Amino acid sequence: MTTPTPPVPASRRTLIASPRHTAGLLLIQFGLAALGAYFQSRPSPAPNLAPAHNSMVHNSMVPLYVSMIVLEWALVRYVWAGIRHKGYRLFDLVGGRWKSWKNVAVDLVIALPFWVFWEATARLVQFSLGESHAKTIQTLLPQTWLEIVLWLGLSASAGVCEEIVFRGYFQKQFEALTGSIALAVVLQAVIFGLGHAYQGVKQIVVISVLGALYGMLAAWRKSLRPGMIAHTMSDVVGLLWK
């Protein structure tokens, strides 16, 4: 009886997926960025990205939130499809599983102060860049209880999925391609920022900086778990501060 061979850990010069697979994911990301930029730049009689909504079904954010949750997990599915051909699993990108409550506590202790630093950095960068003339996303925020529940689901999905895609897949793949973790952090952060083009140029810069912080945290901890926690917190608490 043979013992199953565990996946070989990713090294700095070992690709975790084929270059063609990475090119495909880049095309998807750039397509989403272009779509977001279109919605931000199209003429509108109001300074909002979308019309105001209410509790009526035809004006609710429910279809949008559901479609965004599906998109987040579809991207993770695409990542999984690419890395499994190289013998990797999603947990290899995440940095393993929690083995005890002590592991959970350590990640929480790291994530909480990181989130405070993250929020402070976001406000500092926003202040440094000055006033933004981009359309606001206020009308995209939830108002009904159903929308709030779905928003929480979307926040958790974004916290998990975006860390897997950007800090897990892109950062490891770029490190393998370039041989530089610093360059990998920068590249994934820029792509992460461009993915938020629907919020305007200023927010692209802000979110790119924050994406770099997430990348540095992942590189330091060799794990995405603290970043996932902080990312989810930032989206959830951000709603309370709007």
C-alpha atoms as a PDB file:
ATOM      1  CA  MET A   1       0.000   0.000   0.000  1.00  0.00           C
ATOM      2  CA  THR A   2       1.494   3.307  -1.085  1.00  0.00           C
ATOM      3  CA  THR A   3       1.285   6.503   0.955  1.00  0.00           C
ATOM      4  CA  PRO A   4      -0.165   9.535  -0.912  1.00  0.00           C
ATOM      5  CA  THR A   5       2.516  12.071  -1.725  1.00  0.00           C
ATOM      6  CA  PRO A   6       1.727  15.498  -0.221  1.00  0.00           C
ATOM      7  CA  PRO A   7       1.770  18.528  -2.528  1.00  0.00           C
ATOM      8  CA  VAL A   8       5.169  20.095  -2.975  1.00  0.00           C
ATOM      9  CA  PRO A   9       5.282  23.505  -1.229  1.00  0.00           C
ATOM     10  CA  ALA A  10       5.542  26.479  -3.556  1.00  0.00           C
ATOM     11  CA  SER A  11       9.019  27.934  -3.837  1.00  0.00           C
ATOM     12  CA  ARG A  12      10.003  31.337  -5.082  1.00  0.00           C
ATOM     13  CA  ARG A  13      10.791  30.085  -8.569  1.00  0.00           C
ATOM     14  CA  THR A  14       8.039  27.487  -8.933  1.00  0.00           C
ATOM     15  CA  LEU A  15       4.929  28.573 -10.811  1.00  0.00           C
ATOM     16  CA  ILE A  16       1.700  27.609  -9.077  1.00  0.00           C
ATOM     17  CA  ALA A  17      -0.240  27.709 -12.372  1.00  0.00           C
ATOM     18  CA  SER A  18       0.522  27.949 -16.072  1.00  0.00           C
ATOM     19  CA  PRO A  19       1.334  31.378 -17.573  1.00  0.00           C
ATOM     20  CA  ARG A  20      -1.690  30.989 -19.849  1.00  0.00           C
ATOM     21  CA  HIS A  21      -3.944  30.518 -16.834  1.00  0.00           C
ATOM     22  CA  THR A  22      -2.491  33.651 -15.226  1.00  0.00           C
ATOM     23  CA  ALA A  23      -2.983  35.599 -18.460  1.00  0.00           C
ATOM     24  CA  GLY A  24      -6.615  34.523 -18.460  1.00  0.00           C
ATOM     25  CA  LEU A  25      -7.148  35.748 -14.910  1.00  0.00           C
ATOM     26  CA  LEU A  26      -5.430  39.028 -15.763  1.00  0.00           C
ATOM     27  CA  LEU A  27      -7.761  39.496 -18.742  1.00  0.00           C
ATOM     28  CA  ILE A  28     -10.747  38.912 -16.462  1.00  0.00           C
ATOM     29  CA  GLN A  29      -9.446  41.450 -13.944  1.00  0.00           C
ATOM     30  CA  PHE A  30      -8.703  44.065 -16.602  1.00  0.00           C
ATOM     31  CA  GLY A  31     -12.144  43.479 -18.113  1.00  0.00           C
ATOM     32  CA  LEU A  32     -13.774  44.083 -14.727  1.00  0.00           C
ATOM     33  CA  ALA A  33     -11.626  47.189 -14.259  1.00  0.00           C
ATOM     34  CA  ALA A  34     -12.659  48.529 -17.678  1.00  0.00           C
ATOM     35  CA  LEU A  35     -16.321  47.890 -16.872  1.00  0.00           C
ATOM     36  CA  GLY A  36     -15.955  49.709 -13.568  1.00  0.00           C
ATOM     37  CA  ALA A  37     -14.229  52.642 -15.253  1.00  0.00           C
ATOM     38  CA  TYR A  38     -17.068  52.829 -17.781  1.00  0.00           C
ATOM     39  CA  PHE A  39     -19.711  53.045 -15.059  1.00  0.00           C
ATOM     40  CA  GLN A  40     -17.669  55.703 -13.251  1.00  0.00           C
ATOM     41  CA  SER A  41     -17.139  57.855 -16.361  1.00  0.00           C
ATOM     42  CA  ARG A  42     -20.515  57.581 -18.094  1.00  0.00           C
ATOM     43  CA  PRO A  43     -22.668  60.749 -18.045  1.00  0.00           C
ATOM     44  CA  SER A  44     -25.114  60.925 -15.150  1.00  0.00           C
ATOM     45  CA  PRO A  45     -27.550  63.600 -13.950  1.00  0.00           C
ATOM     46  CA  ALA A  46     -26.592  62.879 -10.336  1.00  0.00           C
ATOM     47  CA  PRO A  47     -23.245  62.503  -8.506  1.00  0.00           C
ATOM     48  CA  ASN A  48     -24.057  58.876  -7.676  1.00  0.00           C
ATOM     49  CA  LEU A  49     -22.750  55.775  -9.406  1.00  0.00           C
ATOM     50  CA  ALA A  50     -26.250  54.277  -9.449  1.00  0.00           C
ATOM     51  CA  PRO A  51     -29.799  55.577  -8.908  1.00  0.00           C
ATOM     52  CA  ALA A  52     -31.094  55.691  -5.349  1.00  0.00           C
ATOM     53  CA  HIS A  53     -33.017  52.599  -4.290  1.00  0.00           C
ATOM     54  CA  ASN A  54     -35.666  51.693  -1.764  1.00  0.00           C
ATOM     55  CA  SER A  55     -37.371  48.591  -0.432  1.00  0.00           C
ATOM     56  CA  MET A  56     -39.192  47.912  -3.701  1.00  0.00           C
ATOM     57  CA  VAL A  57     -37.950  44.779  -5.440  1.00  0.00           C
ATOM     58  CA  HIS A  58     -37.209  46.428  -8.778  1.00  0.00           C
ATOM     59  CA  ASN A  59     -34.968  48.983  -7.105  1.00  0.00           C
ATOM     60  CA  SER A  60     -33.210  46.746  -4.582  1.00  0.00           C
ATOM     61  CA  MET A  61     -29.526  45.849  -4.457  1.00  0.00           C
ATOM     62  CA  VAL A  62     -30.289  42.147  -3.940  1.00  0.00           C
ATOM     63  CA  PRO A  63     -29.529  41.037  -7.535  1.00  0.00           C
ATOM     64  CA  LEU A  64     -26.298  43.045  -7.539  1.00  0.00           C
ATOM     65  CA  TYR A  65     -25.094  41.626  -4.208  1.00  0.00           C
ATOM     66  CA  VAL A  66     -25.945  38.059  -5.206  1.00  0.00           C
ATOM     67  CA  SER A  67     -24.158  38.418  -8.550  1.00  0.00           C
ATOM     68  CA  MET A  68     -21.077  39.873  -6.826  1.00  0.00           C
ATOM     69  CA  ILE A  69     -20.963  36.988  -4.346  1.00  0.00           C
ATOM     70  CA  VAL A  70     -21.205  34.525  -7.231  1.00  0.00           C
ATOM     71  CA  LEU A  71     -18.418  36.386  -9.078  1.00  0.00           C
ATOM     72  CA  GLU A  72     -16.111  36.321  -6.041  1.00  0.00           C
ATOM     73  CA  TRP A  73     -16.422  32.553  -5.687  1.00  0.00           C
ATOM     74  CA  ALA A  74     -16.261  31.998  -9.445  1.00  0.00           C
ATOM     75  CA  LEU A  75     -12.833  33.662  -9.453  1.00  0.00           C
ATOM     76  CA  VAL A  76     -11.708  31.367  -6.649  1.00  0.00           C
ATOM     77  CA  ARG A  77     -13.007  28.426  -8.682  1.00  0.00           C
ATOM     78  CA  TYR A  78     -10.917  29.635 -11.624  1.00  0.00           C
ATOM     79  CA  VAL A  79      -7.848  29.890  -9.378  1.00  0.00           C
ATOM     80  CA  TRP A  80      -8.429  26.366  -8.049  1.00  0.00           C
ATOM     81  CA  ALA A  81      -8.759  25.005 -11.574  1.00  0.00           C
ATOM     82  CA  GLY A  82      -5.368  26.474 -12.459  1.00  0.00           C
ATOM     83  CA  ILE A  83      -3.340  25.467  -9.411  1.00  0.00           C
ATOM     84  CA  ARG A  84      -4.597  21.894  -9.133  1.00  0.00           C
ATOM     85  CA  HIS A  85      -2.834  20.994 -12.379  1.00  0.00           C
ATOM     86  CA  LYS A  86       0.444  21.891 -10.646  1.00  0.00           C
ATOM     87  CA  GLY A  87      -0.420  19.772  -7.592  1.00  0.00           C
ATOM     88  CA  TYR A  88      -1.501  22.600  -5.305  1.00  0.00           C
ATOM     89  CA  ARG A  89      -4.621  23.102  -3.215  1.00  0.00           C
ATOM     90  CA  LEU A  90      -6.395  26.240  -2.081  1.00  0.00           C
ATOM     91  CA  PHE A  91      -5.127  25.604   1.450  1.00  0.00           C
ATOM     92  CA  ASP A  92      -1.588  25.840   0.059  1.00  0.00           C
ATOM     93  CA  LEU A  93      -2.383  29.408  -0.975  1.00  0.00           C
ATOM     94  CA  VAL A  94      -4.081  30.220   2.323  1.00  0.00           C
ATOM     95  CA  GLY A  95      -1.196  28.869   4.383  1.00  0.00           C
ATOM     96  CA  GLY A  96      -2.837  25.811   5.907  1.00  0.00           C
ATOM     97  CA  ARG A  97      -5.774  25.348   8.265  1.00  0.00           C
ATOM     98  CA  TRP A  98      -6.429  26.353  11.822  1.00  0.00           C
ATOM     99  CA  LYS A  99      -5.326  23.430  14.000  1.00  0.00           C
ATOM    100  CA  SER A 100      -6.418  24.805  17.374  1.00  0.00           C
ATOM    101  CA  TRP A 101      -8.122  27.746  19.042  1.00  0.00           C
ATOM    102  CA  LYS A 102      -4.643  29.074  19.790  1.00  0.00           C
ATOM    103  CA  ASN A 103      -4.055  29.480  16.053  1.00  0.00           C
ATOM    104  CA  VAL A 104      -7.349  31.352  15.759  1.00  0.00           C
ATOM    105  CA  ALA A 105      -6.432  33.630  18.667  1.00  0.00           C
ATOM    106  CA  VAL A 106      -3.006  34.420  17.202  1.00  0.00           C
ATOM    107  CA  ASP A 107      -4.526  35.407  13.850  1.00  0.00           C
ATOM    108  CA  LEU A 108      -7.117  37.601  15.602  1.00  0.00           C
ATOM    109  CA  VAL A 109      -4.418  39.291  17.684  1.00  0.00           C
ATOM    110  CA  ILE A 110      -2.533  40.078  14.477  1.00  0.00           C
ATOM    111  CA  ALA A 111      -5.587  41.057  12.423  1.00  0.00           C
ATOM    112  CA  LEU A 112      -7.073  43.571  14.877  1.00  0.00           C
ATOM    113  CA  PRO A 113      -4.104  45.981  15.160  1.00  0.00           C
ATOM    114  CA  PHE A 114      -3.411  45.508  11.457  1.00  0.00           C
ATOM    115  CA  TRP A 115      -6.982  46.577  10.708  1.00  0.00           C
ATOM    116  CA  VAL A 116      -6.515  49.725  12.859  1.00  0.00           C
ATOM    117  CA  PHE A 117      -3.293  50.535  10.998  1.00  0.00           C
ATOM    118  CA  TRP A 118      -5.036  49.775   7.689  1.00  0.00           C
ATOM    119  CA  GLU A 119      -7.878  52.201   8.459  1.00  0.00           C
ATOM    120  CA  ALA A 120      -5.445  54.913   9.579  1.00  0.00           C
ATOM    121  CA  THR A 121      -3.415  54.475   6.390  1.00  0.00           C
ATOM    122  CA  ALA A 122      -6.548  54.650   4.241  1.00  0.00           C
ATOM    123  CA  ARG A 123      -7.612  57.946   5.821  1.00  0.00           C
ATOM    124  CA  LEU A 124      -4.103  59.396   5.554  1.00  0.00           C
ATOM    125  CA  VAL A 125      -3.783  58.522   1.861  1.00  0.00           C
ATOM    126  CA  GLN A 126      -7.275  59.842   1.113  1.00  0.00           C
ATOM    127  CA  PHE A 127      -6.450  63.104   2.893  1.00  0.00           C
ATOM    128  CA  SER A 128      -3.103  63.397   1.077  1.00  0.00           C
ATOM    129  CA  LEU A 129      -4.726  62.975  -2.338  1.00  0.00           C
ATOM    130  CA  GLY A 130      -7.244  65.745  -1.722  1.00  0.00           C
ATOM    131  CA  GLU A 131     -10.849  65.979  -2.810  1.00  0.00           C
ATOM    132  CA  SER A 132     -12.286  63.370  -5.136  1.00  0.00           C
ATOM    133  CA  HIS A 133     -14.650  64.291  -7.970  1.00  0.00           C
ATOM    134  CA  ALA A 134     -15.651  60.702  -8.677  1.00  0.00           C
ATOM    135  CA  LYS A 135     -19.250  59.548  -8.446  1.00  0.00           C
ATOM    136  CA  THR A 136     -20.101  58.228  -4.992  1.00  0.00           C
ATOM    137  CA  ILE A 137     -21.151  54.658  -4.242  1.00  0.00           C
ATOM    138  CA  GLN A 138     -23.523  55.600  -1.432  1.00  0.00           C
ATOM    139  CA  THR A 139     -26.551  54.389  -3.362  1.00  0.00           C
ATOM    140  CA  LEU A 140     -24.953  50.939  -3.664  1.00  0.00           C
ATOM    141  CA  LEU A 141     -24.995  50.449   0.112  1.00  0.00           C
ATOM    142  CA  PRO A 142     -27.705  48.309   1.758  1.00  0.00           C
ATOM    143  CA  GLN A 143     -30.848  49.779   3.248  1.00  0.00           C
ATOM    144  CA  THR A 144     -33.207  46.863   3.937  1.00  0.00           C
ATOM    145  CA  TRP A 145     -32.580  43.950   6.313  1.00  0.00           C
ATOM    146  CA  LEU A 146     -32.263  41.513   3.427  1.00  0.00           C
ATOM    147  CA  GLU A 147     -29.711  43.770   1.753  1.00  0.00           C
ATOM    148  CA  ILE A 148     -27.749  44.071   5.008  1.00  0.00           C
ATOM    149  CA  VAL A 149     -27.631  40.272   5.404  1.00  0.00           C
ATOM    150  CA  LEU A 150     -26.451  39.872   1.827  1.00  0.00           C
ATOM    151  CA  TRP A 151     -23.921  42.682   2.317  1.00  0.00           C
ATOM    152  CA  LEU A 152     -22.436  40.792   5.260  1.00  0.00           C
ATOM    153  CA  GLY A 153     -22.237  37.712   3.063  1.00  0.00           C
ATOM    154  CA  LEU A 154     -20.585  39.763   0.337  1.00  0.00           C
ATOM    155  CA  SER A 155     -18.110  41.251   2.831  1.00  0.00           C
ATOM    156  CA  ALA A 156     -17.127  37.792   4.075  1.00  0.00           C
ATOM    157  CA  SER A 157     -16.869  36.508   0.501  1.00  0.00           C
ATOM    158  CA  ALA A 158     -14.673  39.435  -0.518  1.00  0.00           C
ATOM    159  CA  GLY A 159     -12.482  38.988   2.556  1.00  0.00           C
ATOM    160  CA  VAL A 160     -11.846  35.340   1.738  1.00  0.00           C
ATOM    161  CA  CYS A 161     -11.940  35.303  -2.051  1.00  0.00           C
ATOM    162  CA  GLU A 162      -9.971  38.469  -2.804  1.00  0.00           C
ATOM    163  CA  GLU A 163      -7.198  37.435  -0.446  1.00  0.00           C
ATOM    164  CA  ILE A 164      -6.988  34.062  -2.199  1.00  0.00           C
ATOM    165  CA  VAL A 165      -6.978  35.630  -5.671  1.00  0.00           C
ATOM    166  CA  PHE A 166      -4.637  38.574  -5.064  1.00  0.00           C
ATOM    167  CA  ARG A 167      -2.413  37.770  -2.075  1.00  0.00           C
ATOM    168  CA  GLY A 168      -2.593  34.006  -2.580  1.00  0.00           C
ATOM    169  CA  TYR A 169      -2.545  33.397  -6.326  1.00  0.00           C
ATOM    170  CA  PHE A 170      -1.223  36.575  -7.945  1.00  0.00           C
ATOM    171  CA  GLN A 171       1.394  37.332  -5.303  1.00  0.00           C
ATOM    172  CA  LYS A 172       2.836  33.814  -5.299  1.00  0.00           C
ATOM    173  CA  GLN A 173       2.733  33.593  -9.091  1.00  0.00           C
ATOM    174  CA  PHE A 174       4.382  36.990  -9.588  1.00  0.00           C
ATOM    175  CA  GLU A 175       7.051  36.083  -7.033  1.00  0.00           C
ATOM    176  CA  ALA A 176       7.788  32.928  -9.003  1.00  0.00           C
ATOM    177  CA  LEU A 177       7.890  34.833 -12.300  1.00  0.00           C
ATOM    178  CA  THR A 178      10.052  37.733 -11.080  1.00  0.00           C
ATOM    179  CA  GLY A 179      12.021  36.204  -8.218  1.00  0.00           C
ATOM    180  CA  SER A 180      11.148  39.255  -6.092  1.00  0.00           C
ATOM    181  CA  ILE A 181       8.577  39.282  -3.302  1.00  0.00           C
ATOM    182  CA  ALA A 182       8.682  43.090  -3.211  1.00  0.00           C
ATOM    183  CA  LEU A 183       7.789  43.344  -6.903  1.00  0.00           C
ATOM    184  CA  ALA A 184       5.121  40.674  -6.476  1.00  0.00           C
ATOM    185  CA  VAL A 185       3.498  42.680  -3.665  1.00  0.00           C
ATOM    186  CA  VAL A 186       3.461  45.814  -5.818  1.00  0.00           C
ATOM    187  CA  LEU A 187       2.084  44.099  -8.924  1.00  0.00           C
ATOM    188  CA  GLN A 188      -0.791  42.358  -7.158  1.00  0.00           C
ATOM    189  CA  ALA A 189      -1.613  45.602  -5.304  1.00  0.00           C
ATOM    190  CA  VAL A 190      -1.878  47.568  -8.561  1.00  0.00           C
ATOM    191  CA  ILE A 191      -4.182  44.955 -10.084  1.00  0.00           C
ATOM    192  CA  PHE A 192      -6.214  44.947  -6.870  1.00  0.00           C
ATOM    193  CA  GLY A 193      -6.565  48.727  -7.046  1.00  0.00           C
ATOM    194  CA  LEU A 194      -7.566  48.692 -10.712  1.00  0.00           C
ATOM    195  CA  GLY A 195     -10.329  46.267  -9.845  1.00  0.00           C
ATOM    196  CA  HIS A 196     -11.972  49.110  -7.909  1.00  0.00           C
ATOM    197  CA  ALA A 197     -12.016  51.495 -10.874  1.00  0.00           C
ATOM    198  CA  TYR A 198     -15.763  51.949 -10.397  1.00  0.00           C
ATOM    199  CA  GLN A 199     -14.900  54.078  -7.345  1.00  0.00           C
ATOM    200  CA  GLY A 200     -12.749  56.552  -9.282  1.00  0.00           C
ATOM    201  CA  VAL A 201      -9.047  57.272  -9.787  1.00  0.00           C
ATOM    202  CA  LYS A 202      -8.437  58.429  -6.213  1.00  0.00           C
ATOM    203  CA  GLN A 203      -9.766  55.208  -4.761  1.00  0.00           C
ATOM    204  CA  ILE A 204      -7.656  53.163  -7.181  1.00  0.00           C
ATOM    205  CA  VAL A 205      -4.568  54.736  -5.610  1.00  0.00           C
ATOM    206  CA  VAL A 206      -5.874  54.337  -2.052  1.00  0.00           C
ATOM    207  CA  ILE A 207      -6.861  50.705  -2.537  1.00  0.00           C
ATOM    208  CA  SER A 208      -3.577  49.895  -4.297  1.00  0.00           C
ATOM    209  CA  VAL A 209      -1.709  51.145  -1.216  1.00  0.00           C
ATOM    210  CA  LEU A 210      -3.959  49.090   1.044  1.00  0.00           C
ATOM    211  CA  GLY A 211      -3.505  46.062  -1.216  1.00  0.00           C
ATOM    212  CA  ALA A 212       0.244  46.413  -0.731  1.00  0.00           C
ATOM    213  CA  LEU A 213      -0.270  46.350   3.049  1.00  0.00           C
ATOM    214  CA  TYR A 214      -2.271  43.138   2.733  1.00  0.00           C
ATOM    215  CA  GLY A 215       0.502  41.735   0.548  1.00  0.00           C
ATOM    216  CA  MET A 216       3.197  42.576   3.090  1.00  0.00           C
ATOM    217  CA  LEU A 217       1.132  40.999   5.860  1.00  0.00           C
ATOM    218  CA  ALA A 218       0.711  37.802   3.829  1.00  0.00           C
ATOM    219  CA  ALA A 219       4.424  37.694   2.996  1.00  0.00           C
ATOM    220  CA  TRP A 220       5.365  38.177   6.646  1.00  0.00           C
ATOM    221  CA  ARG A 221       2.912  35.653   8.110  1.00  0.00           C
ATOM    222  CA  LYS A 222       3.115  33.119   5.251  1.00  0.00           C
ATOM    223  CA  SER A 223      -0.646  32.963   5.706  1.00  0.00           C
ATOM    224  CA  LEU A 224      -3.728  34.726   4.333  1.00  0.00           C
ATOM    225  CA  ARG A 225      -5.847  34.180   7.439  1.00  0.00           C
ATOM    226  CA  PRO A 226      -5.068  37.439   9.308  1.00  0.00           C
ATOM    227  CA  GLY A 227      -5.614  39.383   6.078  1.00  0.00           C
ATOM    228  CA  MET A 228      -8.915  37.623   5.481  1.00  0.00           C
ATOM    229  CA  ILE A 229     -10.109  38.626   8.952  1.00  0.00           C
ATOM    230  CA  ALA A 230      -8.970  42.243   8.583  1.00  0.00           C
ATOM    231  CA  HIS A 231     -10.365  42.498   5.032  1.00  0.00           C
ATOM    232  CA  THR A 232     -13.781  41.269   6.145  1.00  0.00           C
ATOM    233  CA  MET A 233     -13.764  43.637   9.114  1.00  0.00           C
ATOM    234  CA  SER A 234     -12.914  46.613   6.929  1.00  0.00           C
ATOM    235  CA  ASP A 235     -15.876  45.932   4.631  1.00  0.00           C
ATOM    236  CA  VAL A 236     -18.338  45.331   7.464  1.00  0.00           C
ATOM    237  CA  VAL A 237     -17.247  48.243   9.649  1.00  0.00           C
ATOM    238  CA  GLY A 238     -16.980  50.470   6.599  1.00  0.00           C
ATOM    239  CA  LEU A 239     -20.742  50.129   6.181  1.00  0.00           C
ATOM    240  CA  LEU A 240     -21.319  51.356   9.750  1.00  0.00           C
ATOM    241  CA  TRP A 241     -19.210  54.443   9.099  1.00  0.00           C
ATOM    242  CA  LYS A 242     -20.898  55.426   5.842  1.00  0.00           C
END
